[in-house]
Amino acid sequence: MIAGKKENEMIIKKRNKTELEQFEALLSRLRPDHPKIRELESDFARRKKGYIGEKQVDYFLDELAAEMTILQDLNLSVDGKNMQIDNLLISRQAAYIVEVKNYSGTILFDTELQQFTRDDGSREKGFRHPIQQAELQKQRLQAWLQEMNLPPIPIYCFIAVSDPSTIIKVEGEREHIARVVSHAAYIPGKIKSQADAMTGNAPIQHQKLGATILRACKQARHLPVLRYGIQTQDILPGVHCPACRYLGMERIYGTWLCPKCNRKSKVAHKRALLDYFLLVNPTINNADCMQFLGISSATIANRLFKSMNLTYIKENRRWTLSKRSVVK
């Protein structure tokens, strides 16, 4: 067992919402008439729905954490290409890839045509086959194990449909689809059944393998600012009022004052600095801070950094977030 972990705490990599926070920060700092604003709002809504669906699946998979090592939102480099897996569970017998699908309405698996479609009530649309996607992830994970000179292990794939109201239909061979696809609540049972059927296999040191995968895991930096071609000058500086969301609070005698609603705040700068780290640069200096927050004193900037427990980097005289940083 990994030092410091209890038996029921084997989720060694948890899902984070950094990308959603980047979208939220960006949407709050673009002018309303920016040409990319509608596209950003649409993509943010879609990604937020996806994140909610993934968290719904996490709720059910958590019950397996007492006996398996779990990594969420996994990113690995395989043969120079990035591989992303929604959930990887490793037991004493095998590894299980669980991909999350957030389709609403009715989804149809046609096993004869190898076709996957969704009907949301207004139109029918075809999508890339989720089982084929998961099988490709399985092949890439086996290739990664080989690259790392690790022994091959049994890997099984499952598709978790996050919305319990989604209707799942099959045309053709139902048994294969039913073995792999189901609503999220039934996935742990499918995994347990598969594990029970493999009790005679050579045991896998799943905590050790999980730790090895975690060390190799890449930190995904989606950076919507770059993806949508947003320029630094498009990002509006300033401090948001926590009450009315007006952008332009003023620093007066150690307090932030909103000129629109007259609300005061001692900590409104924390959200603004987090926006800076999310959108502009993971490090900041006094001049950057003064410009972004609209303050005129380097002494105040230093005081704000220290109040948030930011880490000082001596080499370039800049500050950055740390695990101890206070941003809420």
Protein backbone atom coordinates (compact mmCIF):
# COMPACT_ATOMS: atom_id res chain seq x y z
CA MET A 1 0.00 0.00 0.00
CA ILE A 2 1.16 3.54 -0.74
CA ALA A 3 2.48 5.20 2.42
CA GLY A 4 -0.09 7.41 4.12
CA LYS A 5 -3.06 5.90 2.27
CA LYS A 6 -5.85 4.07 4.02
CA GLU A 7 -7.43 1.03 2.44
CA ASN A 8 -10.48 3.04 1.37
CA GLU A 9 -8.53 5.95 -0.06
CA MET A 10 -7.04 4.46 -3.20
CA ILE A 11 -8.23 7.15 -5.60
CA ILE A 12 -4.69 8.33 -6.22
CA LYS A 13 -5.53 10.76 -9.02
CA LYS A 14 -8.75 12.72 -8.73
CA ARG A 15 -10.58 14.62 -11.43
CA ASN A 16 -10.09 18.36 -11.34
CA LYS A 17 -12.07 21.21 -12.87
CA THR A 18 -9.18 23.43 -13.98
CA GLU A 19 -10.45 23.63 -17.55
CA LEU A 20 -13.89 24.72 -16.40
CA GLU A 21 -12.30 27.32 -14.12
CA GLN A 22 -10.33 28.61 -17.12
CA PHE A 23 -13.52 28.96 -19.14
CA GLU A 24 -15.30 30.70 -16.25
CA ALA A 25 -12.41 33.12 -15.76
CA LEU A 26 -12.15 33.84 -19.48
CA LEU A 27 -15.88 34.46 -19.93
CA SER A 28 -15.84 36.86 -16.99
CA ARG A 29 -12.98 38.88 -18.52
CA LEU A 30 -13.95 39.20 -22.17
CA ARG A 31 -16.01 42.12 -23.39
CA PRO A 32 -19.59 41.06 -24.25
CA ASP A 33 -19.13 41.83 -27.95
CA HIS A 34 -15.95 39.77 -28.39
CA PRO A 35 -16.26 37.67 -31.60
CA LYS A 36 -15.48 34.42 -29.75
CA ILE A 37 -17.88 34.91 -26.84
CA ARG A 38 -20.79 32.81 -28.22
CA GLU A 39 -18.51 29.94 -29.21
CA LEU A 40 -16.90 30.01 -25.77
CA GLU A 41 -20.27 30.01 -24.01
CA SER A 42 -21.46 27.04 -26.08
CA ASP A 43 -18.28 25.03 -25.51
CA PHE A 44 -18.27 25.88 -21.80
CA ALA A 45 -21.84 24.61 -21.41
CA ARG A 46 -20.94 21.38 -23.20
CA ARG A 47 -17.81 20.81 -21.14
CA LYS A 48 -19.60 21.62 -17.90
CA LYS A 49 -22.25 19.04 -18.75
CA GLY A 50 -19.47 16.53 -19.45
CA TYR A 51 -17.78 17.25 -16.13
CA ILE A 52 -21.06 16.83 -14.24
CA GLY A 53 -21.60 13.51 -16.00
CA GLU A 54 -18.10 12.35 -15.09
CA LYS A 55 -18.67 13.26 -11.44
CA GLN A 56 -21.92 11.28 -11.48
CA VAL A 57 -19.99 8.23 -12.66
CA ASP A 58 -17.27 8.89 -10.05
CA TYR A 59 -19.94 8.63 -7.35
CA PHE A 60 -20.64 5.01 -8.28
CA LEU A 61 -17.04 3.99 -8.98
CA ASP A 62 -15.96 5.31 -5.57
CA GLU A 63 -17.40 2.19 -3.96
CA LEU A 64 -14.57 0.20 -5.57
CA ALA A 65 -11.85 2.37 -4.01
CA ALA A 66 -11.53 0.07 -1.00
CA GLU A 67 -10.21 -2.77 -3.15
CA MET A 68 -8.82 -1.13 -6.29
CA THR A 69 -6.44 1.66 -7.24
CA ILE A 70 -8.29 4.36 -9.19
CA LEU A 71 -6.94 7.10 -11.44
CA GLN A 72 -9.37 9.66 -12.86
CA ASP A 73 -8.83 11.83 -15.94
CA LEU A 74 -5.60 10.07 -16.89
CA ASN A 75 -3.20 11.46 -19.51
CA LEU A 76 -0.25 9.40 -20.75
CA SER A 77 2.12 9.73 -23.70
CA VAL A 78 2.19 6.61 -25.88
CA ASP A 79 4.48 6.46 -28.90
CA GLY A 80 4.65 10.24 -28.87
CA LYS A 81 0.87 10.64 -28.82
CA ASN A 82 -1.38 11.67 -25.97
CA MET A 83 -3.81 9.14 -24.49
CA GLN A 84 -6.67 10.31 -22.28
CA ILE A 85 -8.71 7.89 -20.17
CA ASP A 86 -11.73 9.00 -18.13
CA ASN A 87 -11.24 6.33 -15.43
CA LEU A 88 -8.67 3.59 -14.90
CA LEU A 89 -9.27 1.07 -12.12
CA ILE A 90 -6.61 -1.50 -11.26
CA SER A 91 -7.44 -4.55 -9.14
CA ARG A 92 -5.44 -7.57 -8.08
CA GLN A 93 -6.66 -9.36 -11.21
CA ALA A 94 -6.91 -6.79 -14.03
CA ALA A 95 -7.25 -3.18 -15.13
CA TYR A 96 -10.58 -1.65 -16.14
CA ILE A 97 -11.04 1.33 -18.44
CA VAL A 98 -14.34 3.12 -17.84
CA GLU A 99 -15.19 5.75 -20.44
CA VAL A 100 -18.01 8.17 -19.68
CA LYS A 101 -20.68 9.16 -22.21
CA ASN A 102 -23.09 12.01 -21.51
CA TYR A 103 -25.65 11.40 -24.24
CA SER A 104 -29.27 12.28 -23.58
CA GLY A 105 -32.39 10.97 -25.32
CA THR A 106 -31.99 7.57 -27.02
CA ILE A 107 -28.73 5.97 -28.11
CA LEU A 108 -28.58 3.06 -30.54
CA PHE A 109 -25.83 0.48 -31.04
CA ASP A 110 -26.08 -1.27 -34.42
CA THR A 111 -23.77 -4.28 -34.14
CA GLU A 112 -24.18 -5.34 -37.78
CA LEU A 113 -23.22 -1.98 -39.27
CA GLN A 114 -20.87 -1.13 -36.39
CA GLN A 115 -22.72 2.15 -36.09
CA PHE A 116 -23.61 4.32 -33.10
CA THR A 117 -26.32 6.98 -33.22
CA ARG A 118 -28.18 9.28 -30.85
CA ASP A 119 -31.70 10.64 -31.15
CA ASP A 120 -32.29 13.60 -28.84
CA GLY A 121 -35.90 14.07 -29.88
CA SER A 122 -35.20 16.67 -32.53
CA ARG A 123 -32.72 14.88 -34.80
CA GLU A 124 -30.75 11.68 -35.18
CA LYS A 125 -26.97 11.98 -35.36
CA GLY A 126 -24.12 9.53 -35.75
CA PHE A 127 -21.06 9.51 -33.47
CA ARG A 128 -17.78 7.66 -33.28
CA HIS A 129 -18.45 4.22 -31.83
CA PRO A 130 -17.69 4.41 -28.06
CA ILE A 131 -16.72 0.74 -27.74
CA GLN A 132 -14.20 1.08 -30.56
CA GLN A 133 -12.82 4.18 -28.82
CA ALA A 134 -12.43 2.27 -25.56
CA GLU A 135 -10.80 -0.68 -27.32
CA LEU A 136 -8.28 1.72 -28.87
CA GLN A 137 -7.52 3.07 -25.39
CA LYS A 138 -6.96 -0.51 -24.25
CA GLN A 139 -4.46 -1.13 -27.06
CA ARG A 140 -2.63 2.10 -26.26
CA LEU A 141 -2.44 1.27 -22.56
CA GLN A 142 -0.95 -2.14 -23.36
CA ALA A 143 1.54 -0.37 -25.67
CA TRP A 144 2.42 2.01 -22.82
CA LEU A 145 3.07 -0.90 -20.47
CA GLN A 146 5.36 -2.40 -23.10
CA GLU A 147 7.18 0.93 -23.56
CA MET A 148 7.76 1.04 -19.80
CA ASN A 149 9.03 -2.58 -19.77
CA LEU A 150 6.12 -3.59 -17.56
CA PRO A 151 4.43 -6.99 -17.91
CA PRO A 152 1.14 -7.11 -19.84
CA ILE A 153 -2.01 -7.37 -17.76
CA PRO A 154 -5.64 -8.18 -18.60
CA ILE A 155 -7.52 -4.98 -19.49
CA TYR A 156 -11.30 -4.70 -19.83
CA CYS A 157 -13.34 -1.79 -21.17
CA PHE A 158 -16.71 -0.45 -20.06
CA ILE A 159 -18.89 2.40 -21.23
CA ALA A 160 -20.77 4.28 -18.49
CA VAL A 161 -23.81 6.26 -19.60
CA SER A 162 -24.02 9.04 -17.02
CA ASP A 163 -27.63 10.15 -17.49
CA PRO A 164 -29.96 7.50 -15.99
CA SER A 165 -32.83 8.75 -18.18
CA THR A 166 -30.95 7.93 -21.40
CA ILE A 167 -32.53 5.01 -23.25
CA ILE A 168 -30.03 2.42 -24.54
CA LYS A 169 -31.11 0.38 -27.57
CA VAL A 170 -29.34 -2.32 -29.56
CA GLU A 171 -29.92 -3.64 -33.06
CA GLY A 172 -28.18 -6.97 -33.53
CA GLU A 173 -26.07 -8.76 -30.94
CA ARG A 174 -27.33 -7.51 -27.57
CA GLU A 175 -25.13 -9.69 -25.35
CA HIS A 176 -21.82 -8.02 -26.30
CA ILE A 177 -23.22 -4.51 -25.85
CA ALA A 178 -24.88 -5.40 -22.55
CA ARG A 179 -21.60 -6.82 -21.25
CA VAL A 180 -19.78 -3.53 -21.87
CA VAL A 181 -22.38 -0.72 -21.79
CA SER A 182 -24.77 0.33 -19.04
CA HIS A 183 -25.89 3.22 -16.93
CA ALA A 184 -23.28 4.29 -14.40
CA ALA A 185 -24.96 2.68 -11.38
CA TYR A 186 -24.43 -0.80 -12.84
CA ILE A 187 -20.78 -0.46 -13.86
CA PRO A 188 -19.31 -1.41 -10.43
CA GLY A 189 -21.33 -4.63 -10.49
CA LYS A 190 -20.02 -5.49 -13.97
CA ILE A 191 -16.45 -4.87 -12.81
CA LYS A 192 -16.92 -6.99 -9.68
CA SER A 193 -18.38 -9.84 -11.73
CA GLN A 194 -15.40 -9.74 -14.07
CA ALA A 195 -12.98 -9.64 -11.12
CA ASP A 196 -14.69 -12.60 -9.43
CA ALA A 197 -14.25 -14.66 -12.59
CA MET A 198 -10.49 -14.09 -12.51
CA THR A 199 -9.58 -15.09 -8.96
CA GLY A 200 -7.11 -17.73 -10.19
CA ASN A 201 -4.96 -15.24 -12.11
CA ALA A 202 -1.53 -14.17 -10.93
CA PRO A 203 -2.05 -11.20 -8.58
CA ILE A 204 -1.21 -7.67 -9.75
CA GLN A 205 0.48 -5.25 -7.36
CA HIS A 206 -2.14 -2.66 -8.18
CA GLN A 207 -0.95 0.02 -5.72
CA LYS A 208 2.59 -0.15 -7.12
CA LEU A 209 1.39 -0.13 -10.74
CA GLY A 210 -0.94 2.76 -9.99
CA ALA A 211 1.91 4.77 -8.48
CA THR A 212 4.05 4.09 -11.57
CA ILE A 213 1.28 5.30 -13.87
CA LEU A 214 0.70 8.37 -11.68
CA ARG A 215 4.37 9.37 -11.92
CA ALA A 216 4.18 9.16 -15.73
CA CYS A 217 0.89 11.01 -15.95
CA LYS A 218 1.04 14.28 -17.86
CA GLN A 219 -0.63 17.40 -16.53
CA ALA A 220 -3.06 18.41 -19.25
CA ARG A 221 -2.97 22.14 -20.03
CA HIS A 222 -5.90 22.83 -22.31
CA LEU A 223 -5.52 26.63 -22.16
CA PRO A 224 -8.68 27.85 -23.90
CA VAL A 225 -6.97 31.24 -24.33
CA LEU A 226 -4.64 29.65 -26.90
CA ARG A 227 -7.20 27.30 -28.42
CA TYR A 228 -9.59 30.12 -29.30
CA GLY A 229 -6.91 32.59 -30.35
CA ILE A 230 -7.61 34.99 -27.48
CA GLN A 231 -4.98 37.73 -27.23
CA THR A 232 -3.59 38.84 -23.87
CA GLN A 233 -4.93 42.34 -24.48
CA ASP A 234 -8.44 40.85 -24.84
CA ILE A 235 -8.37 39.75 -21.18
CA LEU A 236 -9.80 42.59 -19.10
CA PRO A 237 -7.82 43.35 -15.90
CA GLY A 238 -9.36 44.35 -12.60
CA VAL A 239 -11.02 42.93 -9.50
CA HIS A 240 -14.59 41.62 -9.63
CA CYS A 241 -17.08 42.63 -6.97
CA PRO A 242 -18.19 39.40 -5.25
CA ALA A 243 -21.70 40.86 -4.83
CA CYS A 244 -22.65 42.41 -8.19
CA ARG A 245 -19.77 41.07 -10.39
CA TYR A 246 -18.77 44.59 -11.48
CA LEU A 247 -15.20 44.53 -12.80
CA GLY A 248 -13.31 47.46 -11.32
CA MET A 249 -13.19 47.40 -7.52
CA GLU A 250 -10.91 50.03 -6.00
CA ARG A 251 -8.30 49.46 -3.29
CA ILE A 252 -8.99 51.93 -0.45
CA TYR A 253 -7.30 51.71 2.97
CA GLY A 254 -6.67 47.96 2.83
CA THR A 255 -10.14 47.12 1.52
CA TRP A 256 -11.66 46.61 -1.92
CA LEU A 257 -14.63 48.92 -2.59
CA CYS A 258 -17.12 48.47 -5.44
CA PRO A 259 -18.03 51.84 -6.98
CA LYS A 260 -21.25 50.36 -8.37
CA CYS A 261 -22.92 48.76 -5.32
CA ASN A 262 -20.62 50.06 -2.52
CA ARG A 263 -19.92 46.53 -1.27
CA LYS A 264 -16.58 46.12 0.52
CA SER A 265 -14.32 43.06 0.53
CA LYS A 266 -11.02 42.20 2.13
CA VAL A 267 -10.33 39.23 -0.16
CA ALA A 268 -11.72 40.08 -3.62
CA HIS A 269 -8.16 40.12 -5.04
CA LYS A 270 -7.81 36.37 -4.50
CA ARG A 271 -10.25 35.51 -7.29
CA ALA A 272 -8.59 38.06 -9.58
CA LEU A 273 -5.11 36.62 -9.03
CA LEU A 274 -6.40 33.10 -9.62
CA ASP A 275 -7.86 34.33 -12.92
CA TYR A 276 -4.40 35.66 -13.79
CA PHE A 277 -2.76 32.30 -13.06
CA LEU A 278 -5.42 30.47 -15.08
CA LEU A 279 -5.37 32.74 -18.13
CA VAL A 280 -2.18 34.74 -18.37
CA ASN A 281 0.80 33.16 -16.63
CA PRO A 282 1.37 30.59 -13.86
CA THR A 283 3.76 33.08 -12.21
CA ILE A 284 3.43 36.79 -11.39
CA ASN A 285 5.65 39.66 -10.23
CA ASN A 286 4.92 43.01 -8.60
CA ALA A 287 4.55 44.92 -11.87
CA ASP A 288 2.15 42.31 -13.31
CA CYS A 289 0.08 42.41 -10.13
CA MET A 290 -0.09 46.20 -10.02
CA GLN A 291 -1.26 46.34 -13.62
CA PHE A 292 -3.78 43.49 -13.35
CA LEU A 293 -5.35 44.53 -10.04
CA GLY A 294 -5.14 48.26 -10.68
CA ILE A 295 -3.00 49.13 -7.66
CA SER A 296 -0.07 51.55 -7.51
CA SER A 297 2.11 50.06 -4.78
CA ALA A 298 4.61 47.18 -4.98
CA THR A 299 4.42 46.96 -1.20
CA ILE A 300 0.70 46.22 -1.39
CA ALA A 301 1.33 43.64 -4.11
CA ASN A 302 3.84 41.83 -1.88
CA ARG A 303 1.43 41.96 1.04
CA LEU A 304 -1.32 40.40 -1.08
CA PHE A 305 1.01 37.62 -2.28
CA LYS A 306 1.98 36.75 1.28
CA SER A 307 -1.64 36.83 2.47
CA MET A 308 -2.40 34.10 -0.07
CA ASN A 309 0.64 31.98 0.89
CA LEU A 310 2.01 32.17 -2.66
CA THR A 311 5.46 30.65 -3.23
CA TYR A 312 8.29 33.03 -4.08
CA ILE A 313 10.69 31.95 -6.86
CA LYS A 314 14.01 33.65 -6.17
CA GLU A 315 15.54 32.91 -9.58
CA ASN A 316 13.15 35.17 -11.49
CA ARG A 317 11.62 37.12 -8.60
CA ARG A 318 8.12 35.88 -9.29
CA TRP A 319 5.36 34.30 -7.26
CA THR A 320 3.26 31.22 -7.98
CA LEU A 321 0.51 29.10 -6.47
CA SER A 322 1.43 26.31 -4.07
CA LYS A 323 -0.53 23.66 -2.20
CA ARG A 324 -0.69 26.07 0.73
CA SER A 325 -2.08 28.95 -1.32
CA VAL A 326 -5.42 30.38 -0.24
CA VAL A 327 -7.52 31.36 -3.25
CA LYS A 328 -11.11 31.13 -2.03
